[in-house]
Amino acid sequence: MPIQAKWPQSVSAGAPQGRVVLLLLIDESGAVTEVSVVEAVPAGYFEESALAATRAARFTPGSKDGRIVKSRVLMELNYGVPEAVGR
């Protein structure tokens, strides 16, 4: 299931589109134990929304040689202009 990051309420609908690249540490159960912003374009708009969305997500844990292991993953979240209400 794709991650659905919310459009931040503090960002107006006329704000620029953007993207956030995150580095995640996923444990053996598929939970995100660490997350950090690698890049955000434009900076200062979407980072908190992206962090909150990935912290709440669950993933299929990584495996190596048939064993479930912790893994680091780079993830990019893209933010487009939100759809108008009532459409």
C-alpha atoms as a PDB file:
ATOM      1  CA  MET A   1       0.000   0.000   0.000  1.00  0.00           C
ATOM      2  CA  PRO A   2       1.473   3.378  -0.968  1.00  0.00           C
ATOM      3  CA  ILE A   3       2.165   5.967   1.703  1.00  0.00           C
ATOM      4  CA  GLN A   4      -0.395   8.760   1.669  1.00  0.00           C
ATOM      5  CA  ALA A   5       1.279  11.839   3.128  1.00  0.00           C
ATOM      6  CA  LYS A   6      -1.178  14.604   3.935  1.00  0.00           C
ATOM      7  CA  TRP A   7      -0.920  18.055   2.384  1.00  0.00           C
ATOM      8  CA  PRO A   8       0.149  20.243   5.332  1.00  0.00           C
ATOM      9  CA  GLN A   9      -2.605  22.591   6.539  1.00  0.00           C
ATOM     10  CA  SER A  10      -0.016  25.346   6.945  1.00  0.00           C
ATOM     11  CA  VAL A  11       0.751  25.214   3.207  1.00  0.00           C
ATOM     12  CA  SER A  12      -1.762  26.965   0.966  1.00  0.00           C
ATOM     13  CA  ALA A  13      -3.116  25.241  -2.129  1.00  0.00           C
ATOM     14  CA  GLY A  14      -1.231  27.761  -4.264  1.00  0.00           C
ATOM     15  CA  ALA A  15       2.099  26.673  -2.786  1.00  0.00           C
ATOM     16  CA  PRO A  16       4.644  24.959  -4.968  1.00  0.00           C
ATOM     17  CA  GLN A  17       4.668  21.269  -5.595  1.00  0.00           C
ATOM     18  CA  GLY A  18       7.492  19.457  -3.920  1.00  0.00           C
ATOM     19  CA  ARG A  19       9.293  16.313  -2.979  1.00  0.00           C
ATOM     20  CA  VAL A  20      10.998  14.956   0.098  1.00  0.00           C
ATOM     21  CA  VAL A  21      13.672  12.252   0.097  1.00  0.00           C
ATOM     22  CA  LEU A  22      13.906  10.314   3.349  1.00  0.00           C
ATOM     23  CA  LEU A  23      16.295   7.731   4.775  1.00  0.00           C
ATOM     24  CA  LEU A  24      14.442   5.081   6.777  1.00  0.00           C
ATOM     25  CA  LEU A  25      15.690   2.352   9.086  1.00  0.00           C
ATOM     26  CA  ILE A  26      13.184  -0.502   9.053  1.00  0.00           C
ATOM     27  CA  ASP A  27      13.433  -3.175  11.743  1.00  0.00           C
ATOM     28  CA  GLU A  28      12.778  -6.907  11.490  1.00  0.00           C
ATOM     29  CA  SER A  29       9.061  -6.440  12.167  1.00  0.00           C
ATOM     30  CA  GLY A  30       8.642  -3.857   9.372  1.00  0.00           C
ATOM     31  CA  ALA A  31       8.366  -0.841  11.687  1.00  0.00           C
ATOM     32  CA  VAL A  32      10.237   2.385  10.982  1.00  0.00           C
ATOM     33  CA  THR A  33      12.659   2.943  13.866  1.00  0.00           C
ATOM     34  CA  GLU A  34      14.543   5.925  12.446  1.00  0.00           C
ATOM     35  CA  VAL A  35      13.762   8.427   9.712  1.00  0.00           C
ATOM     36  CA  SER A  36      15.610  11.511   8.522  1.00  0.00           C
ATOM     37  CA  VAL A  37      15.223  14.016   5.707  1.00  0.00           C
ATOM     38  CA  VAL A  38      17.929  13.712   3.055  1.00  0.00           C
ATOM     39  CA  GLU A  39      16.542  16.365   0.710  1.00  0.00           C
ATOM     40  CA  ALA A  40      13.461  18.567   0.494  1.00  0.00           C
ATOM     41  CA  VAL A  41      12.514  20.685  -2.519  1.00  0.00           C
ATOM     42  CA  PRO A  42      11.413  23.332  -1.723  1.00  0.00           C
ATOM     43  CA  ALA A  43      12.780  23.318   1.809  1.00  0.00           C
ATOM     44  CA  GLY A  44      10.478  24.115   4.709  1.00  0.00           C
ATOM     45  CA  TYR A  45       7.141  23.009   3.259  1.00  0.00           C
ATOM     46  CA  PHE A  46       6.604  19.254   3.373  1.00  0.00           C
ATOM     47  CA  GLU A  47       9.196  17.722   5.708  1.00  0.00           C
ATOM     48  CA  GLU A  48       6.985  17.312   8.797  1.00  0.00           C
ATOM     49  CA  SER A  49       4.173  15.735   6.791  1.00  0.00           C
ATOM     50  CA  ALA A  50       6.601  13.301   5.157  1.00  0.00           C
ATOM     51  CA  LEU A  51       8.194  12.360   8.485  1.00  0.00           C
ATOM     52  CA  ALA A  52       4.809  11.740  10.117  1.00  0.00           C
ATOM     53  CA  ALA A  53       3.568   9.626   7.203  1.00  0.00           C
ATOM     54  CA  THR A  54       6.628   7.372   7.144  1.00  0.00           C
ATOM     55  CA  ARG A  55       6.801   6.975  10.935  1.00  0.00           C
ATOM     56  CA  ALA A  56       3.254   5.590  10.878  1.00  0.00           C
ATOM     57  CA  ALA A  57       3.865   3.241   7.934  1.00  0.00           C
ATOM     58  CA  ARG A  58       4.555  -0.489   8.061  1.00  0.00           C
ATOM     59  CA  PHE A  59       6.808  -2.227   5.562  1.00  0.00           C
ATOM     60  CA  THR A  60       7.724  -5.738   4.572  1.00  0.00           C
ATOM     61  CA  PRO A  61      11.019  -6.341   6.375  1.00  0.00           C
ATOM     62  CA  GLY A  62      14.177  -6.891   4.372  1.00  0.00           C
ATOM     63  CA  SER A  63      15.804 -10.287   4.060  1.00  0.00           C
ATOM     64  CA  LYS A  64      19.302 -11.563   3.413  1.00  0.00           C
ATOM     65  CA  ASP A  65      20.231 -15.182   2.895  1.00  0.00           C
ATOM     66  CA  GLY A  66      16.719 -16.209   3.942  1.00  0.00           C
ATOM     67  CA  ARG A  67      16.836 -14.287   7.232  1.00  0.00           C
ATOM     68  CA  ILE A  68      14.781 -11.228   8.123  1.00  0.00           C
ATOM     69  CA  VAL A  69      17.080  -8.264   8.769  1.00  0.00           C
ATOM     70  CA  LYS A  70      17.004  -4.545   9.507  1.00  0.00           C
ATOM     71  CA  SER A  71      17.364  -2.438   6.397  1.00  0.00           C
ATOM     72  CA  ARG A  72      17.957   1.141   5.308  1.00  0.00           C
ATOM     73  CA  VAL A  73      15.797   2.479   2.517  1.00  0.00           C
ATOM     74  CA  LEU A  74      15.754   5.752   0.596  1.00  0.00           C
ATOM     75  CA  MET A  75      12.198   6.854  -0.148  1.00  0.00           C
ATOM     76  CA  GLU A  76      10.902   9.781  -2.166  1.00  0.00           C
ATOM     77  CA  LEU A  77       7.499  11.322  -1.469  1.00  0.00           C
ATOM     78  CA  ASN A  78       6.062  13.687  -4.065  1.00  0.00           C
ATOM     79  CA  TYR A  79       3.573  16.416  -3.255  1.00  0.00           C
ATOM     80  CA  GLY A  80       1.276  17.706  -5.975  1.00  0.00           C
ATOM     81  CA  VAL A  81      -1.346  20.407  -5.763  1.00  0.00           C
ATOM     82  CA  PRO A  82      -4.249  19.105  -3.622  1.00  0.00           C
ATOM     83  CA  GLU A  83      -7.598  18.622  -5.341  1.00  0.00           C
ATOM     84  CA  ALA A  84     -10.216  21.278  -4.738  1.00  0.00           C
ATOM     85  CA  VAL A  85     -12.882  20.457  -2.162  1.00  0.00           C
ATOM     86  CA  GLY A  86     -16.301  19.680  -3.642  1.00  0.00           C
ATOM     87  CA  ARG A  87     -15.099  18.402  -6.989  1.00  0.00           C
END
